[in-house]
Amino acid sequence: MATPRPGRRVRGSRTGRPIMALLDLLGRRWALRILWELRKGPVAFTDLQARCDAMSPSVLNQRLTELRQTGIVVLHDSGGYTVTAEGLSLLRSLAPLDDWARRWGQREQAQRR
């Protein structure tokens, strides 16, 4: 499966609208989890794999390749993977969704009591 790119046909869009390309990329299994784990700084491949519930190395490698090809993740000089400035911008854009999810979780917990 090719790395989603704006302007190319992607899952859910024949025209490759940028938002659809992004949703295709982030909707791939483990992509968001990888970004989440990299949010605080460089993480080595094996540590990242362990943080992601021991996902298979081939899937982790594929997702990292896709995220690197889109300029969201880079292999740091230290040997660990880290988010780029664009990746940090994306994570900041996702912060309101994280806030909403936390409030949702709190509502769900309150309803169970």
PDB file of N, CA and C in Angstrom:
ATOM      1  N   MET A   1       0.842  -1.172   0.000  1.00  0.00           N
ATOM      2  CA  MET A   1       0.000   0.000   0.000  1.00  0.00           C
ATOM      3  C   MET A   1       0.892   1.241   0.000  1.00  0.00           C
ATOM      4  N   ALA A   2       0.654   2.145  -0.913  1.00  0.00           N
ATOM      5  CA  ALA A   2       1.479   3.347  -1.033  1.00  0.00           C
ATOM      6  C   ALA A   2       1.177   4.328   0.097  1.00  0.00           C
ATOM      7  N   THR A   3       2.165   5.125   0.413  1.00  0.00           N
ATOM      8  CA  THR A   3       1.995   6.155   1.430  1.00  0.00           C
ATOM      9  C   THR A   3       0.998   7.191   0.920  1.00  0.00           C
ATOM     10  N   PRO A   4      -0.036   7.500   1.702  1.00  0.00           N
ATOM     11  CA  PRO A   4      -1.011   8.506   1.276  1.00  0.00           C
ATOM     12  C   PRO A   4      -0.356   9.870   1.071  1.00  0.00           C
ATOM     13  N   ARG A   5      -0.746  10.532   0.007  1.00  0.00           N
ATOM     14  CA  ARG A   5      -0.221  11.860  -0.312  1.00  0.00           C
ATOM     15  C   ARG A   5      -1.354  12.718  -0.859  1.00  0.00           C
ATOM     16  N   PRO A   6      -1.377  13.998  -0.510  1.00  0.00           N
ATOM     17  CA  PRO A   6      -2.372  14.892  -1.102  1.00  0.00           C
ATOM     18  C   PRO A   6      -2.235  14.910  -2.622  1.00  0.00           C
ATOM     19  N   GLY A   7      -3.374  14.949  -3.287  1.00  0.00           N
ATOM     20  CA  GLY A   7      -3.374  14.984  -4.746  1.00  0.00           C
ATOM     21  C   GLY A   7      -3.381  13.621  -5.402  1.00  0.00           C
ATOM     22  N   ARG A   8      -3.195  12.567  -4.625  1.00  0.00           N
ATOM     23  CA  ARG A   8      -3.254  11.201  -5.148  1.00  0.00           C
ATOM     24  C   ARG A   8      -4.496  10.520  -4.610  1.00  0.00           C
ATOM     25  N   ARG A   9      -4.972   9.566  -5.339  1.00  0.00           N
ATOM     26  CA  ARG A   9      -6.110   8.774  -4.875  1.00  0.00           C
ATOM     27  C   ARG A   9      -5.743   8.095  -3.549  1.00  0.00           C
ATOM     28  N   VAL A  10      -6.614   8.237  -2.559  1.00  0.00           N
ATOM     29  CA  VAL A  10      -6.411   7.625  -1.245  1.00  0.00           C
ATOM     30  C   VAL A  10      -7.718   6.968  -0.820  1.00  0.00           C
ATOM     31  N   ARG A  11      -7.634   6.218   0.254  1.00  0.00           N
ATOM     32  CA  ARG A  11      -8.827   5.585   0.785  1.00  0.00           C
ATOM     33  C   ARG A  11      -9.860   6.659   1.096  1.00  0.00           C
ATOM     34  N   GLY A  12     -11.021   6.563   0.498  1.00  0.00           N
ATOM     35  CA  GLY A  12     -12.103   7.502   0.754  1.00  0.00           C
ATOM     36  C   GLY A  12     -12.138   8.712  -0.158  1.00  0.00           C
ATOM     37  N   SER A  13     -11.183   8.843  -1.065  1.00  0.00           N
ATOM     38  CA  SER A  13     -11.159  10.017  -1.945  1.00  0.00           C
ATOM     39  C   SER A  13     -10.431   9.715  -3.247  1.00  0.00           C
ATOM     40  N   ARG A  14     -11.136   9.886  -4.342  1.00  0.00           N
ATOM     41  CA  ARG A  14     -10.489   9.708  -5.648  1.00  0.00           C
ATOM     42  C   ARG A  14      -9.589  10.880  -5.990  1.00  0.00           C
ATOM     43  N   THR A  15      -9.904  12.055  -5.412  1.00  0.00           N
ATOM     44  CA  THR A  15      -9.146  13.256  -5.750  1.00  0.00           C
ATOM     45  C   THR A  15      -7.925  13.447  -4.865  1.00  0.00           C
ATOM     46  N   GLY A  16      -7.873  12.744  -3.751  1.00  0.00           N
ATOM     47  CA  GLY A  16      -6.731  12.891  -2.854  1.00  0.00           C
ATOM     48  C   GLY A  16      -6.722  14.212  -2.117  1.00  0.00           C
ATOM     49  N   ARG A  17      -7.893  14.663  -1.715  1.00  0.00           N
ATOM     50  CA  ARG A  17      -7.943  15.893  -0.917  1.00  0.00           C
ATOM     51  C   ARG A  17      -6.979  15.757   0.258  1.00  0.00           C
ATOM     52  N   PRO A  18      -6.296  16.833   0.606  1.00  0.00           N
ATOM     53  CA  PRO A  18      -5.307  16.745   1.682  1.00  0.00           C
ATOM     54  C   PRO A  18      -5.861  16.160   2.981  1.00  0.00           C
ATOM     55  N   ILE A  19      -7.051  16.552   3.393  1.00  0.00           N
ATOM     56  CA  ILE A  19      -7.596  16.012   4.642  1.00  0.00           C
ATOM     57  C   ILE A  19      -7.845  14.515   4.522  1.00  0.00           C
ATOM     58  N   MET A  20      -8.263  14.056   3.356  1.00  0.00           N
ATOM     59  CA  MET A  20      -8.507  12.629   3.165  1.00  0.00           C
ATOM     60  C   MET A  20      -7.192  11.856   3.160  1.00  0.00           C
ATOM     61  N   ALA A  21      -6.154  12.434   2.583  1.00  0.00           N
ATOM     62  CA  ALA A  21      -4.837  11.784   2.608  1.00  0.00           C
ATOM     63  C   ALA A  21      -4.336  11.677   4.047  1.00  0.00           C
ATOM     64  N   LEU A  22      -4.523  12.751   4.825  1.00  0.00           N
ATOM     65  CA  LEU A  22      -4.094  12.720   6.223  1.00  0.00           C
ATOM     66  C   LEU A  22      -4.889  11.685   7.012  1.00  0.00           C
ATOM     67  N   LEU A  23      -6.205  11.651   6.820  1.00  0.00           N
ATOM     68  CA  LEU A  23      -7.022  10.673   7.538  1.00  0.00           C
ATOM     69  C   LEU A  23      -6.668   9.246   7.144  1.00  0.00           C
ATOM     70  N   ASP A  24      -6.331   9.038   5.882  1.00  0.00           N
ATOM     71  CA  ASP A  24      -5.895   7.711   5.447  1.00  0.00           C
ATOM     72  C   ASP A  24      -4.599   7.337   6.161  1.00  0.00           C
ATOM     73  N   LEU A  25      -3.650   8.265   6.198  1.00  0.00           N
ATOM     74  CA  LEU A  25      -2.369   7.999   6.866  1.00  0.00           C
ATOM     75  C   LEU A  25      -2.570   7.719   8.356  1.00  0.00           C
ATOM     76  N   LEU A  26      -3.283   8.597   9.034  1.00  0.00           N
ATOM     77  CA  LEU A  26      -3.465   8.450  10.479  1.00  0.00           C
ATOM     78  C   LEU A  26      -4.401   7.311  10.845  1.00  0.00           C
ATOM     79  N   GLY A  27      -5.228   6.896   9.889  1.00  0.00           N
ATOM     80  CA  GLY A  27      -6.152   5.789  10.132  1.00  0.00           C
ATOM     81  C   GLY A  27      -5.508   4.422   9.991  1.00  0.00           C
ATOM     82  N   ARG A  28      -4.285   4.392   9.543  1.00  0.00           N
ATOM     83  CA  ARG A  28      -3.594   3.110   9.425  1.00  0.00           C
ATOM     84  C   ARG A  28      -3.228   2.604  10.813  1.00  0.00           C
ATOM     85  N   ARG A  29      -3.356   1.303  10.972  1.00  0.00           N
ATOM     86  CA  ARG A  29      -3.126   0.703  12.278  1.00  0.00           C
ATOM     87  C   ARG A  29      -1.774   1.116  12.849  1.00  0.00           C
ATOM     88  N   TRP A  30      -1.778   1.587  14.061  1.00  0.00           N
ATOM     89  CA  TRP A  30      -0.632   1.975  14.863  1.00  0.00           C
ATOM     90  C   TRP A  30      -0.072   3.362  14.560  1.00  0.00           C
ATOM     91  N   ALA A  31      -0.490   4.014  13.491  1.00  0.00           N
ATOM     92  CA  ALA A  31       0.117   5.304  13.126  1.00  0.00           C
ATOM     93  C   ALA A  31      -0.037   6.335  14.240  1.00  0.00           C
ATOM     94  N   LEU A  32      -1.238   6.493  14.764  1.00  0.00           N
ATOM     95  CA  LEU A  32      -1.446   7.467  15.832  1.00  0.00           C
ATOM     96  C   LEU A  32      -0.716   7.065  17.107  1.00  0.00           C
ATOM     97  N   ARG A  33      -0.694   5.793  17.399  1.00  0.00           N
ATOM     98  CA  ARG A  33       0.009   5.330  18.598  1.00  0.00           C
ATOM     99  C   ARG A  33       1.494   5.644  18.510  1.00  0.00           C
ATOM    100  N   ILE A  34       2.067   5.448  17.343  1.00  0.00           N
ATOM    101  CA  ILE A  34       3.483   5.756  17.144  1.00  0.00           C
ATOM    102  C   ILE A  34       3.733   7.241  17.386  1.00  0.00           C
ATOM    103  N   LEU A  35       2.901   8.094  16.791  1.00  0.00           N
ATOM    104  CA  LEU A  35       3.051   9.534  17.003  1.00  0.00           C
ATOM    105  C   LEU A  35       2.939   9.890  18.479  1.00  0.00           C
ATOM    106  N   TRP A  36       1.970   9.285  19.142  1.00  0.00           N
ATOM    107  CA  TRP A  36       1.769   9.550  20.568  1.00  0.00           C
ATOM    108  C   TRP A  36       3.022   9.186  21.372  1.00  0.00           C
ATOM    109  N   GLU A  37       3.609   8.046  21.065  1.00  0.00           N
ATOM    110  CA  GLU A  37       4.788   7.588  21.802  1.00  0.00           C
ATOM    111  C   GLU A  37       6.025   8.435  21.511  1.00  0.00           C
ATOM    112  N   LEU A  38       6.040   9.104  20.376  1.00  0.00           N
ATOM    113  CA  LEU A  38       7.195   9.930  19.996  1.00  0.00           C
ATOM    114  C   LEU A  38       7.047  11.386  20.429  1.00  0.00           C
ATOM    115  N   ARG A  39       5.937  11.726  21.044  1.00  0.00           N
ATOM    116  CA  ARG A  39       5.639  13.125  21.320  1.00  0.00           C
ATOM    117  C   ARG A  39       6.623  13.791  22.280  1.00  0.00           C
ATOM    118  N   LYS A  40       7.313  13.035  23.101  1.00  0.00           N
ATOM    119  CA  LYS A  40       8.198  13.628  24.112  1.00  0.00           C
ATOM    120  C   LYS A  40       9.679  13.541  23.751  1.00  0.00           C
ATOM    121  N   GLY A  41      10.003  13.017  22.583  1.00  0.00           N
ATOM    122  CA  GLY A  41      11.408  12.964  22.192  1.00  0.00           C
ATOM    123  C   GLY A  41      11.769  11.654  21.533  1.00  0.00           C
ATOM    124  N   PRO A  42      13.034  11.542  21.142  1.00  0.00           N
ATOM    125  CA  PRO A  42      13.487  10.367  20.393  1.00  0.00           C
ATOM    126  C   PRO A  42      13.283   9.062  21.153  1.00  0.00           C
ATOM    127  N   VAL A  43      12.879   8.045  20.399  1.00  0.00           N
ATOM    128  CA  VAL A  43      12.692   6.701  20.951  1.00  0.00           C
ATOM    129  C   VAL A  43      13.315   5.713  19.966  1.00  0.00           C
ATOM    130  N   ALA A  44      14.138   4.813  20.482  1.00  0.00           N
ATOM    131  CA  ALA A  44      14.763   3.780  19.648  1.00  0.00           C
ATOM    132  C   ALA A  44      13.709   2.799  19.140  1.00  0.00           C
ATOM    133  N   PHE A  45      13.997   2.169  18.032  1.00  0.00           N
ATOM    134  CA  PHE A  45      13.056   1.250  17.389  1.00  0.00           C
ATOM    135  C   PHE A  45      12.538   0.192  18.366  1.00  0.00           C
ATOM    136  N   THR A  46      13.439  -0.485  19.069  1.00  0.00           N
ATOM    137  CA  THR A  46      13.004  -1.572  19.961  1.00  0.00           C
ATOM    138  C   THR A  46      12.194  -1.041  21.138  1.00  0.00           C
ATOM    139  N   ASP A  47      12.555   0.130  21.659  1.00  0.00           N
ATOM    140  CA  ASP A  47      11.773   0.740  22.737  1.00  0.00           C
ATOM    141  C   ASP A  47      10.391   1.151  22.239  1.00  0.00           C
ATOM    142  N   LEU A  48      10.354   1.683  21.032  1.00  0.00           N
ATOM    143  CA  LEU A  48       9.076   2.072  20.438  1.00  0.00           C
ATOM    144  C   LEU A  48       8.192   0.846  20.234  1.00  0.00           C
ATOM    145  N   GLN A  49       8.780  -0.218  19.770  1.00  0.00           N
ATOM    146  CA  GLN A  49       8.037  -1.467  19.582  1.00  0.00           C
ATOM    147  C   GLN A  49       7.446  -1.935  20.915  1.00  0.00           C
ATOM    148  N   ALA A  50       8.230  -1.887  21.971  1.00  0.00           N
ATOM    149  CA  ALA A  50       7.752  -2.305  23.300  1.00  0.00           C
ATOM    150  C   ALA A  50       6.641  -1.395  23.799  1.00  0.00           C
ATOM    151  N   ARG A  51       6.761  -0.092  23.563  1.00  0.00           N
ATOM    152  CA  ARG A  51       5.734   0.860  23.998  1.00  0.00           C
ATOM    153  C   ARG A  51       4.424   0.668  23.249  1.00  0.00           C
ATOM    154  N   CYS A  52       4.529   0.111  22.064  1.00  0.00           N
ATOM    155  CA  CYS A  52       3.337  -0.103  21.225  1.00  0.00           C
ATOM    156  C   CYS A  52       2.845  -1.541  21.335  1.00  0.00           C
ATOM    157  N   ASP A  53       2.839  -2.046  22.540  1.00  0.00           N
ATOM    158  CA  ASP A  53       2.308  -3.383  22.809  1.00  0.00           C
ATOM    159  C   ASP A  53       2.973  -4.461  21.958  1.00  0.00           C
ATOM    160  N   ALA A  54       4.265  -4.299  21.730  1.00  0.00           N
ATOM    161  CA  ALA A  54       5.058  -5.281  20.992  1.00  0.00           C
ATOM    162  C   ALA A  54       4.484  -5.592  19.612  1.00  0.00           C
ATOM    163  N   MET A  55       4.126  -4.545  18.878  1.00  0.00           N
ATOM    164  CA  MET A  55       3.666  -4.753  17.500  1.00  0.00           C
ATOM    165  C   MET A  55       4.781  -5.397  16.693  1.00  0.00           C
ATOM    166  N   SER A  56       4.424  -6.002  15.609  1.00  0.00           N
ATOM    167  CA  SER A  56       5.438  -6.698  14.822  1.00  0.00           C
ATOM    168  C   SER A  56       6.438  -5.688  14.251  1.00  0.00           C
ATOM    169  N   PRO A  57       7.706  -6.084  14.152  1.00  0.00           N
ATOM    170  CA  PRO A  57       8.708  -5.165  13.618  1.00  0.00           C
ATOM    171  C   PRO A  57       8.418  -4.750  12.179  1.00  0.00           C
ATOM    172  N   SER A  58       7.814  -5.634  11.401  1.00  0.00           N
ATOM    173  CA  SER A  58       7.534  -5.280  10.006  1.00  0.00           C
ATOM    174  C   SER A  58       6.465  -4.187   9.918  1.00  0.00           C
ATOM    175  N   VAL A  59       5.448  -4.261  10.777  1.00  0.00           N
ATOM    176  CA  VAL A  59       4.407  -3.227  10.775  1.00  0.00           C
ATOM    177  C   VAL A  59       4.988  -1.914  11.291  1.00  0.00           C
ATOM    178  N   LEU A  60       5.765  -1.965  12.350  1.00  0.00           N
ATOM    179  CA  LEU A  60       6.383  -0.754  12.878  1.00  0.00           C
ATOM    180  C   LEU A  60       7.283  -0.111  11.821  1.00  0.00           C
ATOM    181  N   ASN A  61       8.077  -0.908  11.157  1.00  0.00           N
ATOM    182  CA  ASN A  61       8.952  -0.387  10.110  1.00  0.00           C
ATOM    183  C   ASN A  61       8.143   0.254   8.986  1.00  0.00           C
ATOM    184  N   GLN A  62       7.049  -0.372   8.578  1.00  0.00           N
ATOM    185  CA  GLN A  62       6.207   0.181   7.515  1.00  0.00           C
ATOM    186  C   GLN A  62       5.604   1.519   7.934  1.00  0.00           C
ATOM    187  N   ARG A  63       5.073   1.591   9.142  1.00  0.00           N
ATOM    188  CA  ARG A  63       4.462   2.846   9.612  1.00  0.00           C
ATOM    189  C   ARG A  63       5.515   3.939   9.747  1.00  0.00           C
ATOM    190  N   LEU A  64       6.675   3.594  10.286  1.00  0.00           N
ATOM    191  CA  LEU A  64       7.737   4.595  10.395  1.00  0.00           C
ATOM    192  C   LEU A  64       8.176   5.079   9.024  1.00  0.00           C
ATOM    193  N   THR A  65       8.248   4.183   8.066  1.00  0.00           N
ATOM    194  CA  THR A  65       8.596   4.571   6.694  1.00  0.00           C
ATOM    195  C   THR A  65       7.570   5.564   6.156  1.00  0.00           C
ATOM    196  N   GLU A  66       6.286   5.258   6.322  1.00  0.00           N
ATOM    197  CA  GLU A  66       5.226   6.155   5.843  1.00  0.00           C
ATOM    198  C   GLU A  66       5.296   7.512   6.534  1.00  0.00           C
ATOM    199  N   LEU A  67       5.482   7.502   7.845  1.00  0.00           N
ATOM    200  CA  LEU A  67       5.547   8.758   8.592  1.00  0.00           C
ATOM    201  C   LEU A  67       6.795   9.556   8.239  1.00  0.00           C
ATOM    202  N   ARG A  68       7.880   8.871   7.934  1.00  0.00           N
ATOM    203  CA  ARG A  68       9.091   9.559   7.488  1.00  0.00           C
ATOM    204  C   ARG A  68       8.901  10.137   6.085  1.00  0.00           C
ATOM    205  N   GLN A  69       8.268   9.381   5.190  1.00  0.00           N
ATOM    206  CA  GLN A  69       8.047   9.849   3.823  1.00  0.00           C
ATOM    207  C   GLN A  69       7.171  11.098   3.775  1.00  0.00           C
ATOM    208  N   THR A  70       6.305  11.248   4.749  1.00  0.00           N
ATOM    209  CA  THR A  70       5.422  12.412   4.779  1.00  0.00           C
ATOM    210  C   THR A  70       6.009  13.571   5.577  1.00  0.00           C
ATOM    211  N   GLY A  71       7.198  13.386   6.140  1.00  0.00           N
ATOM    212  CA  GLY A  71       7.857  14.470   6.853  1.00  0.00           C
ATOM    213  C   GLY A  71       7.354  14.686   8.269  1.00  0.00           C
ATOM    214  N   ILE A  72       6.658  13.707   8.827  1.00  0.00           N
ATOM    215  CA  ILE A  72       6.114  13.819  10.178  1.00  0.00           C
ATOM    216  C   ILE A  72       7.092  13.276  11.205  1.00  0.00           C
ATOM    217  N   VAL A  73       7.869  12.289  10.825  1.00  0.00           N
ATOM    218  CA  VAL A  73       8.828  11.627  11.710  1.00  0.00           C
ATOM    219  C   VAL A  73      10.179  11.604  11.013  1.00  0.00           C
ATOM    220  N   VAL A  74      11.235  11.635  11.814  1.00  0.00           N
ATOM    221  CA  VAL A  74      12.591  11.568  11.287  1.00  0.00           C
ATOM    222  C   VAL A  74      13.409  10.653  12.193  1.00  0.00           C
ATOM    223  N   LEU A  75      14.432  10.049  11.613  1.00  0.00           N
ATOM    224  CA  LEU A  75      15.375   9.264  12.392  1.00  0.00           C
ATOM    225  C   LEU A  75      16.398  10.246  12.963  1.00  0.00           C
ATOM    226  N   HIS A  76      16.407  10.401  14.269  1.00  0.00           N
ATOM    227  CA  HIS A  76      17.260  11.364  14.966  1.00  0.00           C
ATOM    228  C   HIS A  76      18.715  10.906  14.926  1.00  0.00           C
ATOM    229  N   ASP A  77      19.617  11.842  15.070  1.00  0.00           N
ATOM    230  CA  ASP A  77      21.052  11.533  15.078  1.00  0.00           C
ATOM    231  C   ASP A  77      21.411  10.506  16.142  1.00  0.00           C
ATOM    232  N   SER A  78      20.654  10.499  17.233  1.00  0.00           N
ATOM    233  CA  SER A  78      20.930   9.567  18.334  1.00  0.00           C
ATOM    234  C   SER A  78      20.519   8.134  17.991  1.00  0.00           C
ATOM    235  N   GLY A  79      19.854   7.965  16.849  1.00  0.00           N
ATOM    236  CA  GLY A  79      19.402   6.634  16.446  1.00  0.00           C
ATOM    237  C   GLY A  79      17.945   6.383  16.773  1.00  0.00           C
ATOM    238  N   GLY A  80      17.335   7.281  17.517  1.00  0.00           N
ATOM    239  CA  GLY A  80      15.923   7.131  17.835  1.00  0.00           C
ATOM    240  C   GLY A  80      15.060   7.898  16.849  1.00  0.00           C
ATOM    241  N   TYR A  81      13.818   7.562  16.812  1.00  0.00           N
ATOM    242  CA  TYR A  81      12.862   8.265  15.965  1.00  0.00           C
ATOM    243  C   TYR A  81      12.241   9.391  16.772  1.00  0.00           C
ATOM    244  N   THR A  82      11.941  10.491  16.084  1.00  0.00           N
ATOM    245  CA  THR A  82      11.314  11.634  16.732  1.00  0.00           C
ATOM    246  C   THR A  82      10.402  12.343  15.730  1.00  0.00           C
ATOM    247  N   VAL A  83       9.472  13.122  16.243  1.00  0.00           N
ATOM    248  CA  VAL A  83       8.601  13.887  15.354  1.00  0.00           C
ATOM    249  C   VAL A  83       9.346  15.139  14.897  1.00  0.00           C
ATOM    250  N   THR A  84       9.037  15.566  13.700  1.00  0.00           N
ATOM    251  CA  THR A  84       9.603  16.785  13.132  1.00  0.00           C
ATOM    252  C   THR A  84       8.778  17.983  13.613  1.00  0.00           C
ATOM    253  N   ALA A  85       9.150  19.162  13.180  1.00  0.00           N
ATOM    254  CA  ALA A  85       8.356  20.358  13.492  1.00  0.00           C
ATOM    255  C   ALA A  85       6.946  20.187  12.934  1.00  0.00           C
ATOM    256  N   GLU A  86       6.838  19.611  11.751  1.00  0.00           N
ATOM    257  CA  GLU A  86       5.508  19.355  11.174  1.00  0.00           C
ATOM    258  C   GLU A  86       4.745  18.335  12.013  1.00  0.00           C
ATOM    259  N   GLY A  87       5.455  17.339  12.516  1.00  0.00           N
ATOM    260  CA  GLY A  87       4.823  16.341  13.375  1.00  0.00           C
ATOM    261  C   GLY A  87       4.319  16.955  14.668  1.00  0.00           C
ATOM    262  N   LEU A  88       5.118  17.860  15.245  1.00  0.00           N
ATOM    263  CA  LEU A  88       4.677  18.560  16.457  1.00  0.00           C
ATOM    264  C   LEU A  88       3.455  19.425  16.172  1.00  0.00           C
ATOM    265  N   SER A  89       3.445  20.058  15.014  1.00  0.00           N
ATOM    266  CA  SER A  89       2.286  20.852  14.616  1.00  0.00           C
ATOM    267  C   SER A  89       1.039  19.973  14.502  1.00  0.00           C
ATOM    268  N   LEU A  90       1.209  18.802  13.925  1.00  0.00           N
ATOM    269  CA  LEU A  90       0.100  17.852  13.813  1.00  0.00           C
ATOM    270  C   LEU A  90      -0.375  17.425  15.195  1.00  0.00           C
ATOM    271  N   LEU A  91       0.546  17.110  16.094  1.00  0.00           N
ATOM    272  CA  LEU A  91       0.167  16.707  17.446  1.00  0.00           C
ATOM    273  C   LEU A  91      -0.580  17.826  18.161  1.00  0.00           C
ATOM    274  N   ARG A  92      -0.150  19.076  17.972  1.00  0.00           N
ATOM    275  CA  ARG A  92      -0.877  20.211  18.574  1.00  0.00           C
ATOM    276  C   ARG A  92      -2.285  20.308  17.996  1.00  0.00           C
ATOM    277  N   SER A  93      -2.412  20.005  16.719  1.00  0.00           N
ATOM    278  CA  SER A  93      -3.736  20.040  16.082  1.00  0.00           C
ATOM    279  C   SER A  93      -4.647  18.948  16.623  1.00  0.00           C
ATOM    280  N   LEU A  94      -4.051  17.848  17.051  1.00  0.00           N
ATOM    281  CA  LEU A  94      -4.838  16.739  17.594  1.00  0.00           C
ATOM    282  C   LEU A  94      -5.174  16.924  19.070  1.00  0.00           C
ATOM    283  N   ALA A  95      -4.538  17.884  19.739  1.00  0.00           N
ATOM    284  CA  ALA A  95      -4.753  18.104  21.173  1.00  0.00           C
ATOM    285  C   ALA A  95      -6.220  18.327  21.533  1.00  0.00           C
ATOM    286  N   PRO A  96      -6.994  19.086  20.747  1.00  0.00           N
ATOM    287  CA  PRO A  96      -8.412  19.231  21.101  1.00  0.00           C
ATOM    288  C   PRO A  96      -9.164  17.892  21.072  1.00  0.00           C
ATOM    289  N   LEU A  97      -8.780  16.989  20.194  1.00  0.00           N
ATOM    290  CA  LEU A  97      -9.409  15.660  20.180  1.00  0.00           C
ATOM    291  C   LEU A  97      -9.054  14.890  21.445  1.00  0.00           C
ATOM    292  N   ASP A  98      -7.816  15.034  21.907  1.00  0.00           N
ATOM    293  CA  ASP A  98      -7.402  14.383  23.147  1.00  0.00           C
ATOM    294  C   ASP A  98      -8.197  14.952  24.322  1.00  0.00           C
ATOM    295  N   ASP A  99      -8.370  16.273  24.345  1.00  0.00           N
ATOM    296  CA  ASP A  99      -9.167  16.901  25.410  1.00  0.00           C
ATOM    297  C   ASP A  99     -10.596  16.367  25.395  1.00  0.00           C
ATOM    298  N   TRP A 100     -11.187  16.303  24.214  1.00  0.00           N
ATOM    299  CA  TRP A 100     -12.554  15.802  24.092  1.00  0.00           C
ATOM    300  C   TRP A 100     -12.639  14.352  24.561  1.00  0.00           C
ATOM    301  N   ALA A 101     -11.679  13.537  24.171  1.00  0.00           N
ATOM    302  CA  ALA A 101     -11.681  12.123  24.552  1.00  0.00           C
ATOM    303  C   ALA A 101     -11.570  11.961  26.068  1.00  0.00           C
ATOM    304  N   ARG A 102     -10.781  12.801  26.699  1.00  0.00           N
ATOM    305  CA  ARG A 102     -10.657  12.743  28.166  1.00  0.00           C
ATOM    306  C   ARG A 102     -11.994  13.078  28.837  1.00  0.00           C
ATOM    307  N   ARG A 103     -12.646  14.133  28.351  1.00  0.00           N
ATOM    308  CA  ARG A 103     -13.960  14.489  28.915  1.00  0.00           C
ATOM    309  C   ARG A 103     -14.967  13.369  28.681  1.00  0.00           C
ATOM    310  N   TRP A 104     -14.923  12.762  27.533  1.00  0.00           N
ATOM    311  CA  TRP A 104     -15.805  11.636  27.209  1.00  0.00           C
ATOM    312  C   TRP A 104     -15.565  10.484  28.181  1.00  0.00           C
ATOM    313  N   GLY A 105     -14.298  10.179  28.405  1.00  0.00           N
ATOM    314  CA  GLY A 105     -13.951   9.116  29.345  1.00  0.00           C
ATOM    315  C   GLY A 105     -14.468   9.410  30.745  1.00  0.00           C
ATOM    316  N   GLN A 106     -14.351  10.654  31.165  1.00  0.00           N
ATOM    317  CA  GLN A 106     -14.853  11.036  32.484  1.00  0.00           C
ATOM    318  C   GLN A 106     -16.373  10.903  32.557  1.00  0.00           C
ATOM    319  N   ARG A 107     -17.070  11.298  31.488  1.00  0.00           N
ATOM    320  CA  ARG A 107     -18.539  11.150  31.458  1.00  0.00           C
ATOM    321  C   ARG A 107     -18.935   9.691  31.521  1.00  0.00           C
ATOM    322  N   GLU A 108     -18.209   8.860  30.779  1.00  0.00           N
ATOM    323  CA  GLU A 108     -18.500   7.427  30.772  1.00  0.00           C
ATOM    324  C   GLU A 108     -18.301   6.823  32.157  1.00  0.00           C
ATOM    325  N   GLN A 109     -17.215   7.210  32.805  1.00  0.00           N
ATOM    326  CA  GLN A 109     -16.954   6.710  34.158  1.00  0.00           C
ATOM    327  C   GLN A 109     -18.040   7.157  35.118  1.00  0.00           C
ATOM    328  N   ALA A 110     -18.447   8.406  35.022  1.00  0.00           N
ATOM    329  CA  ALA A 110     -19.474   8.941  35.917  1.00  0.00           C
ATOM    330  C   ALA A 110     -20.810   8.206  35.717  1.00  0.00           C
ATOM    331  N   GLN A 111     -21.115   7.848  34.492  1.00  0.00           N
ATOM    332  CA  GLN A 111     -22.373   7.157  34.192  1.00  0.00           C
ATOM    333  C   GLN A 111     -22.371   5.729  34.738  1.00  0.00           C
ATOM    334  N   ARG A 112     -21.213   5.129  34.850  1.00  0.00           N
ATOM    335  CA  ARG A 112     -21.119   3.751  35.353  1.00  0.00           C
ATOM    336  C   ARG A 112     -21.269   3.684  36.867  1.00  0.00           C
ATOM    337  N   ARG A 113     -21.107   4.780  37.538  1.00  0.00           N
ATOM    338  CA  ARG A 113     -21.176   4.784  39.013  1.00  0.00           C
ATOM    339  C   ARG A 113     -22.592   4.753  39.508  1.00  0.00           C
TER     340      ARG A 113
END
